[in-house]
């Protein structure tokens, strides 16, 4: 088996948690963290209010009761 000349160097924790803009691994890690927080917040909203998130913010009611007048 031939050895490769490229080395994979693991990221240090400080580099992994750095706040970087653009399509970088650090930005994707933060994006995933915020997505998990949003998902948990949506689940808690549904659990504590007894209704869906769209109904809780009165968005679904607005969508279902909107009438469209066709010419």
PDB file of N, CA and C in Angstrom:
ATOM      1  N   UNK A   1       0.842  -1.173   0.000  1.00  0.00           N
ATOM      2  CA  UNK A   1       0.000   0.000   0.000  1.00  0.00           C
ATOM      3  C   UNK A   1       0.888   1.237   0.000  1.00  0.00           C
ATOM      4  N   UNK A   2       0.613   2.157  -0.901  1.00  0.00           N
ATOM      5  CA  UNK A   2       1.420   3.369  -1.007  1.00  0.00           C
ATOM      6  C   UNK A   2       0.989   4.374   0.043  1.00  0.00           C
ATOM      7  N   UNK A   3       1.970   5.038   0.636  1.00  0.00           N
ATOM      8  CA  UNK A   3       1.631   6.039   1.639  1.00  0.00           C
ATOM      9  C   UNK A   3       1.380   7.384   0.969  1.00  0.00           C
ATOM     10  N   UNK A   4       0.496   8.127   1.551  1.00  0.00           N
ATOM     11  CA  UNK A   4       0.132   9.435   1.013  1.00  0.00           C
ATOM     12  C   UNK A   4       1.018  10.500   1.651  1.00  0.00           C
ATOM     13  N   UNK A   5       1.297  11.562   0.898  1.00  0.00           N
ATOM     14  CA  UNK A   5       2.151  12.620   1.421  1.00  0.00           C
ATOM     15  C   UNK A   5       1.360  13.639   2.247  1.00  0.00           C
ATOM     16  N   UNK A   6       0.028  13.584   2.193  1.00  0.00           N
ATOM     17  CA  UNK A   6      -0.768  14.525   2.975  1.00  0.00           C
ATOM     18  C   UNK A   6      -1.024  13.963   4.365  1.00  0.00           C
ATOM     19  N   UNK A   7      -0.951  14.854   5.332  1.00  0.00           N
ATOM     20  CA  UNK A   7      -1.196  14.481   6.714  1.00  0.00           C
ATOM     21  C   UNK A   7      -2.491  15.113   7.193  1.00  0.00           C
ATOM     22  N   UNK A   8      -3.263  14.352   7.920  1.00  0.00           N
ATOM     23  CA  UNK A   8      -4.481  14.880   8.527  1.00  0.00           C
ATOM     24  C   UNK A   8      -4.136  15.277   9.951  1.00  0.00           C
ATOM     25  N   UNK A   9      -4.304  16.567  10.240  1.00  0.00           N
ATOM     26  CA  UNK A   9      -3.994  17.080  11.571  1.00  0.00           C
ATOM     27  C   UNK A   9      -5.310  17.407  12.264  1.00  0.00           C
ATOM     28  N   UNK A  10      -5.574  16.789  13.410  1.00  0.00           N
ATOM     29  CA  UNK A  10      -6.831  17.079  14.095  1.00  0.00           C
ATOM     30  C   UNK A  10      -6.872  18.514  14.602  1.00  0.00           C
ATOM     31  N   UNK A  11      -8.054  19.085  14.607  1.00  0.00           N
ATOM     32  CA  UNK A  11      -8.231  20.461  15.063  1.00  0.00           C
ATOM     33  C   UNK A  11      -8.151  20.527  16.578  1.00  0.00           C
ATOM     34  N   UNK A  12      -7.584  21.569  17.065  1.00  0.00           N
ATOM     35  CA  UNK A  12      -7.530  21.813  18.499  1.00  0.00           C
ATOM     36  C   UNK A  12      -8.893  22.366  18.914  1.00  0.00           C
ATOM     37  N   UNK A  13      -9.300  22.142  20.144  1.00  0.00           N
ATOM     38  CA  UNK A  13     -10.611  22.603  20.601  1.00  0.00           C
ATOM     39  C   UNK A  13     -10.797  24.094  20.404  1.00  0.00           C
ATOM     40  N   UNK A  14      -9.751  24.895  20.610  1.00  0.00           N
ATOM     41  CA  UNK A  14      -9.885  26.335  20.415  1.00  0.00           C
ATOM     42  C   UNK A  14     -10.185  26.672  18.965  1.00  0.00           C
ATOM     43  N   UNK A  15      -9.567  25.964  18.042  1.00  0.00           N
ATOM     44  CA  UNK A  15      -9.838  26.210  16.623  1.00  0.00           C
ATOM     45  C   UNK A  15     -11.226  25.724  16.229  1.00  0.00           C
ATOM     46  N   UNK A  16     -11.665  24.632  16.793  1.00  0.00           N
ATOM     47  CA  UNK A  16     -12.958  24.066  16.446  1.00  0.00           C
ATOM     48  C   UNK A  16     -14.098  24.970  16.906  1.00  0.00           C
ATOM     49  N   UNK A  17     -13.931  25.640  18.030  1.00  0.00           N
ATOM     50  CA  UNK A  17     -14.981  26.492  18.566  1.00  0.00           C
ATOM     51  C   UNK A  17     -14.832  27.951  18.155  1.00  0.00           C
ATOM     52  N   UNK A  18     -13.890  28.263  17.301  1.00  0.00           N
ATOM     53  CA  UNK A  18     -13.691  29.648  16.871  1.00  0.00           C
ATOM     54  C   UNK A  18     -14.883  30.117  16.048  1.00  0.00           C
ATOM     55  N   UNK A  19     -15.164  31.399  16.123  1.00  0.00           N
ATOM     56  CA  UNK A  19     -16.270  31.983  15.370  1.00  0.00           C
ATOM     57  C   UNK A  19     -15.717  32.451  14.033  1.00  0.00           C
ATOM     58  N   UNK A  20     -16.010  31.706  12.976  1.00  0.00           N
ATOM     59  CA  UNK A  20     -15.500  32.029  11.649  1.00  0.00           C
ATOM     60  C   UNK A  20     -16.662  32.153  10.681  1.00  0.00           C
ATOM     61  N   UNK A  21     -16.552  33.101   9.749  1.00  0.00           N
ATOM     62  CA  UNK A  21     -17.596  33.334   8.752  1.00  0.00           C
ATOM     63  C   UNK A  21     -17.305  32.549   7.486  1.00  0.00           C
ATOM     64  N   UNK A  22     -18.348  32.275   6.700  1.00  0.00           N
ATOM     65  CA  UNK A  22     -18.185  31.568   5.434  1.00  0.00           C
ATOM     66  C   UNK A  22     -18.457  30.085   5.600  1.00  0.00           C
ATOM     67  N   UNK A  23     -18.145  29.339   4.563  1.00  0.00           N
ATOM     68  CA  UNK A  23     -18.363  27.892   4.586  1.00  0.00           C
ATOM     69  C   UNK A  23     -17.132  27.211   5.161  1.00  0.00           C
ATOM     70  N   UNK A  24     -16.996  27.285   6.455  1.00  0.00           N
ATOM     71  CA  UNK A  24     -15.877  26.667   7.153  1.00  0.00           C
ATOM     72  C   UNK A  24     -16.426  25.613   8.099  1.00  0.00           C
ATOM     73  N   UNK A  25     -15.605  24.661   8.494  1.00  0.00           N
ATOM     74  CA  UNK A  25     -16.082  23.656   9.454  1.00  0.00           C
ATOM     75  C   UNK A  25     -16.564  24.288  10.763  1.00  0.00           C
ATOM     76  N   UNK A  26     -15.910  25.368  11.193  1.00  0.00           N
ATOM     77  CA  UNK A  26     -16.329  26.019  12.431  1.00  0.00           C
ATOM     78  C   UNK A  26     -17.724  26.615  12.288  1.00  0.00           C
ATOM     79  N   UNK A  27     -18.010  27.234  11.154  1.00  0.00           N
ATOM     80  CA  UNK A  27     -19.334  27.819  10.932  1.00  0.00           C
ATOM     81  C   UNK A  27     -20.402  26.730  10.889  1.00  0.00           C
ATOM     82  N   UNK A  28     -20.074  25.593  10.308  1.00  0.00           N
ATOM     83  CA  UNK A  28     -21.046  24.502  10.237  1.00  0.00           C
ATOM     84  C   UNK A  28     -21.305  23.898  11.617  1.00  0.00           C
ATOM     85  N   UNK A  29     -20.292  23.875  12.471  1.00  0.00           N
ATOM     86  CA  UNK A  29     -20.489  23.388  13.836  1.00  0.00           C
ATOM     87  C   UNK A  29     -21.448  24.312  14.575  1.00  0.00           C
ATOM     88  N   UNK A  30     -21.241  25.638  14.460  1.00  0.00           N
ATOM     89  CA  UNK A  30     -22.139  26.589  15.119  1.00  0.00           C
ATOM     90  C   UNK A  30     -23.543  26.520  14.527  1.00  0.00           C
ATOM     91  N   UNK A  31     -23.646  26.324  13.219  1.00  0.00           N
ATOM     92  CA  UNK A  31     -24.951  26.198  12.578  1.00  0.00           C
ATOM     93  C   UNK A  31     -25.707  24.995  13.152  1.00  0.00           C
ATOM     94  N   UNK A  32     -25.021  23.897  13.337  1.00  0.00           N
ATOM     95  CA  UNK A  32     -25.645  22.707  13.914  1.00  0.00           C
ATOM     96  C   UNK A  32     -26.080  22.923  15.351  1.00  0.00           C
ATOM     97  N   UNK A  33     -25.267  23.647  16.117  1.00  0.00           N
ATOM     98  CA  UNK A  33     -25.618  23.924  17.506  1.00  0.00           C
ATOM     99  C   UNK A  33     -26.869  24.781  17.597  1.00  0.00           C
ATOM    100  N   UNK A  34     -26.942  25.823  16.770  1.00  0.00           N
ATOM    101  CA  UNK A  34     -28.129  26.686  16.783  1.00  0.00           C
ATOM    102  C   UNK A  34     -29.364  25.944  16.278  1.00  0.00           C
ATOM    103  N   UNK A  35     -29.189  25.047  15.314  1.00  0.00           N
ATOM    104  CA  UNK A  35     -30.318  24.253  14.821  1.00  0.00           C
ATOM    105  C   UNK A  35     -30.855  23.337  15.921  1.00  0.00           C
ATOM    106  N   UNK A  36     -29.952  22.751  16.704  1.00  0.00           N
ATOM    107  CA  UNK A  36     -30.394  21.890  17.805  1.00  0.00           C
ATOM    108  C   UNK A  36     -31.148  22.693  18.861  1.00  0.00           C
ATOM    109  N   UNK A  37     -30.670  23.890  19.158  1.00  0.00           N
ATOM    110  CA  UNK A  37     -31.379  24.747  20.123  1.00  0.00           C
ATOM    111  C   UNK A  37     -32.771  25.119  19.616  1.00  0.00           C
ATOM    112  N   UNK A  38     -32.874  25.450  18.331  1.00  0.00           N
ATOM    113  CA  UNK A  38     -34.173  25.800  17.760  1.00  0.00           C
ATOM    114  C   UNK A  38     -35.134  24.626  17.769  1.00  0.00           C
ATOM    115  N   UNK A  39     -34.629  23.445  17.481  1.00  0.00           N
ATOM    116  CA  UNK A  39     -35.478  22.260  17.475  1.00  0.00           C
ATOM    117  C   UNK A  39     -35.996  21.954  18.879  1.00  0.00           C
ATOM    118  N   UNK A  40     -35.136  22.051  19.878  1.00  0.00           N
ATOM    119  CA  UNK A  40     -35.552  21.810  21.262  1.00  0.00           C
ATOM    120  C   UNK A  40     -36.554  22.883  21.706  1.00  0.00           C
ATOM    121  N   UNK A  41     -36.331  24.132  21.290  1.00  0.00           N
ATOM    122  CA  UNK A  41     -37.277  25.199  21.631  1.00  0.00           C
ATOM    123  C   UNK A  41     -38.644  24.939  21.010  1.00  0.00           C
ATOM    124  N   UNK A  42     -38.671  24.447  19.778  1.00  0.00           N
ATOM    125  CA  UNK A  42     -39.944  24.128  19.128  1.00  0.00           C
ATOM    126  C   UNK A  42     -40.646  22.973  19.847  1.00  0.00           C
ATOM    127  N   UNK A  43     -39.889  21.952  20.238  1.00  0.00           N
ATOM    128  CA  UNK A  43     -40.494  20.835  20.970  1.00  0.00           C
ATOM    129  C   UNK A  43     -41.043  21.281  22.321  1.00  0.00           C
ATOM    130  N   UNK A  44     -40.301  22.123  23.031  1.00  0.00           N
ATOM    131  CA  UNK A  44     -40.782  22.619  24.314  1.00  0.00           C
ATOM    132  C   UNK A  44     -42.025  23.487  24.154  1.00  0.00           C
ATOM    133  N   UNK A  45     -42.065  24.293  23.099  1.00  0.00           N
ATOM    134  CA  UNK A  45     -43.246  25.125  22.843  1.00  0.00           C
ATOM    135  C   UNK A  45     -44.469  24.262  22.607  1.00  0.00           C
ATOM    136  N   UNK A  46     -44.306  23.197  21.809  1.00  0.00           N
ATOM    137  CA  UNK A  46     -45.436  22.303  21.546  1.00  0.00           C
ATOM    138  C   UNK A  46     -45.854  21.551  22.808  1.00  0.00           C
ATOM    139  N   UNK A  47     -44.891  21.120  23.589  1.00  0.00           N
ATOM    140  CA  UNK A  47     -45.206  20.351  24.799  1.00  0.00           C
ATOM    141  C   UNK A  47     -45.900  21.221  25.840  1.00  0.00           C
ATOM    142  N   UNK A  48     -45.376  22.414  26.081  1.00  0.00           N
ATOM    143  CA  UNK A  48     -45.912  23.257  27.137  1.00  0.00           C
ATOM    144  C   UNK A  48     -47.218  23.947  26.757  1.00  0.00           C
ATOM    145  N   UNK A  49     -47.416  24.252  25.461  1.00  0.00           N
ATOM    146  CA  UNK A  49     -48.638  24.955  25.065  1.00  0.00           C
ATOM    147  C   UNK A  49     -49.739  24.002  24.614  1.00  0.00           C
ATOM    148  N   UNK A  50     -49.395  22.784  24.260  1.00  0.00           N
ATOM    149  CA  UNK A  50     -50.405  21.831  23.816  1.00  0.00           C
ATOM    150  C   UNK A  50     -50.849  22.037  22.378  1.00  0.00           C
ATOM    151  N   UNK A  51     -50.140  22.872  21.650  1.00  0.00           N
ATOM    152  CA  UNK A  51     -50.464  23.107  20.240  1.00  0.00           C
ATOM    153  C   UNK A  51     -49.175  23.248  19.450  1.00  0.00           C
ATOM    154  N   UNK A  52     -49.285  23.141  18.142  1.00  0.00           N
ATOM    155  CA  UNK A  52     -48.117  23.245  17.293  1.00  0.00           C
ATOM    156  C   UNK A  52     -47.514  24.636  17.290  1.00  0.00           C
ATOM    157  N   UNK A  53     -46.273  24.732  16.814  1.00  0.00           N
ATOM    158  CA  UNK A  53     -45.568  26.017  16.809  1.00  0.00           C
ATOM    159  C   UNK A  53     -46.287  27.021  15.916  1.00  0.00           C
ATOM    160  N   UNK A  54     -46.768  26.592  14.751  1.00  0.00           N
ATOM    161  CA  UNK A  54     -47.457  27.511  13.847  1.00  0.00           C
ATOM    162  C   UNK A  54     -48.772  28.008  14.453  1.00  0.00           C
ATOM    163  N   UNK A  55     -49.465  27.142  15.167  1.00  0.00           N
ATOM    164  CA  UNK A  55     -50.690  27.578  15.848  1.00  0.00           C
ATOM    165  C   UNK A  55     -50.370  28.473  17.043  1.00  0.00           C
ATOM    166  N   UNK A  56     -49.276  28.180  17.736  1.00  0.00           N
ATOM    167  CA  UNK A  56     -48.893  28.975  18.900  1.00  0.00           C
ATOM    168  C   UNK A  56     -48.615  30.425  18.506  1.00  0.00           C
ATOM    169  N   UNK A  57     -47.933  30.613  17.395  1.00  0.00           N
ATOM    170  CA  UNK A  57     -47.641  31.975  16.929  1.00  0.00           C
ATOM    171  C   UNK A  57     -48.737  32.534  16.026  1.00  0.00           C
ATOM    172  N   UNK A  58     -49.852  31.824  15.935  1.00  0.00           N
ATOM    173  CA  UNK A  58     -51.026  32.244  15.165  1.00  0.00           C
ATOM    174  C   UNK A  58     -50.711  32.429  13.676  1.00  0.00           C
ATOM    175  N   UNK A  59     -49.807  31.629  13.165  1.00  0.00           N
ATOM    176  CA  UNK A  59     -49.467  31.687  11.744  1.00  0.00           C
ATOM    177  C   UNK A  59     -50.400  30.771  10.951  1.00  0.00           C
ATOM    178  N   UNK A  60     -50.669  29.581  11.469  1.00  0.00           N
ATOM    179  CA  UNK A  60     -51.515  28.633  10.764  1.00  0.00           C
ATOM    180  C   UNK A  60     -52.938  29.159  10.656  1.00  0.00           C
ATOM    181  N   UNK A  61     -53.416  29.840  11.677  1.00  0.00           N
ATOM    182  CA  UNK A  61     -54.762  30.412  11.642  1.00  0.00           C
ATOM    183  C   UNK A  61     -54.856  31.460  10.531  1.00  0.00           C
ATOM    184  N   UNK A  62     -53.826  32.249  10.379  1.00  0.00           N
ATOM    185  CA  UNK A  62     -53.813  33.281   9.333  1.00  0.00           C
ATOM    186  C   UNK A  62     -53.796  32.649   7.951  1.00  0.00           C
ATOM    187  N   UNK A  63     -53.030  31.578   7.787  1.00  0.00           N
ATOM    188  CA  UNK A  63     -52.917  30.925   6.474  1.00  0.00           C
ATOM    189  C   UNK A  63     -54.233  30.249   6.101  1.00  0.00           C
ATOM    190  N   UNK A  64     -54.868  29.551   7.030  1.00  0.00           N
ATOM    191  CA  UNK A  64     -56.078  28.786   6.714  1.00  0.00           C
ATOM    192  C   UNK A  64     -57.295  29.684   6.522  1.00  0.00           C
ATOM    193  N   UNK A  65     -57.301  30.875   7.090  1.00  0.00           N
ATOM    194  CA  UNK A  65     -58.456  31.767   6.972  1.00  0.00           C
ATOM    195  C   UNK A  65     -58.265  32.861   5.929  1.00  0.00           C
ATOM    196  N   UNK A  66     -57.226  32.782   5.152  1.00  0.00           N
ATOM    197  CA  UNK A  66     -56.977  33.778   4.120  1.00  0.00           C
ATOM    198  C   UNK A  66     -57.786  33.409   2.875  1.00  0.00           C
ATOM    199  N   UNK A  67     -58.518  34.343   2.322  1.00  0.00           N
ATOM    200  CA  UNK A  67     -59.282  34.090   1.110  1.00  0.00           C
ATOM    201  C   UNK A  67     -58.599  34.795  -0.065  1.00  0.00           C
ATOM    202  N   UNK A  68     -58.671  34.160  -1.198  1.00  0.00           N
ATOM    203  CA  UNK A  68     -58.073  34.718  -2.409  1.00  0.00           C
ATOM    204  C   UNK A  68     -59.202  35.082  -3.352  1.00  0.00           C
ATOM    205  N   UNK A  69     -59.254  36.315  -3.777  1.00  0.00           N
ATOM    206  CA  UNK A  69     -60.269  36.760  -4.733  1.00  0.00           C
ATOM    207  C   UNK A  69     -59.708  36.680  -6.147  1.00  0.00           C
ATOM    208  N   UNK A  70     -60.311  35.819  -6.948  1.00  0.00           N
ATOM    209  CA  UNK A  70     -59.869  35.653  -8.330  1.00  0.00           C
ATOM    210  C   UNK A  70     -60.677  36.605  -9.217  1.00  0.00           C
ATOM    211  N   UNK A  71     -60.040  37.250 -10.167  1.00  0.00           N
ATOM    212  CA  UNK A  71     -60.795  38.167 -11.048  1.00  0.00           C
ATOM    213  C   UNK A  71     -61.703  37.442 -12.015  1.00  0.00           C
TER     214      UNK A  71
END
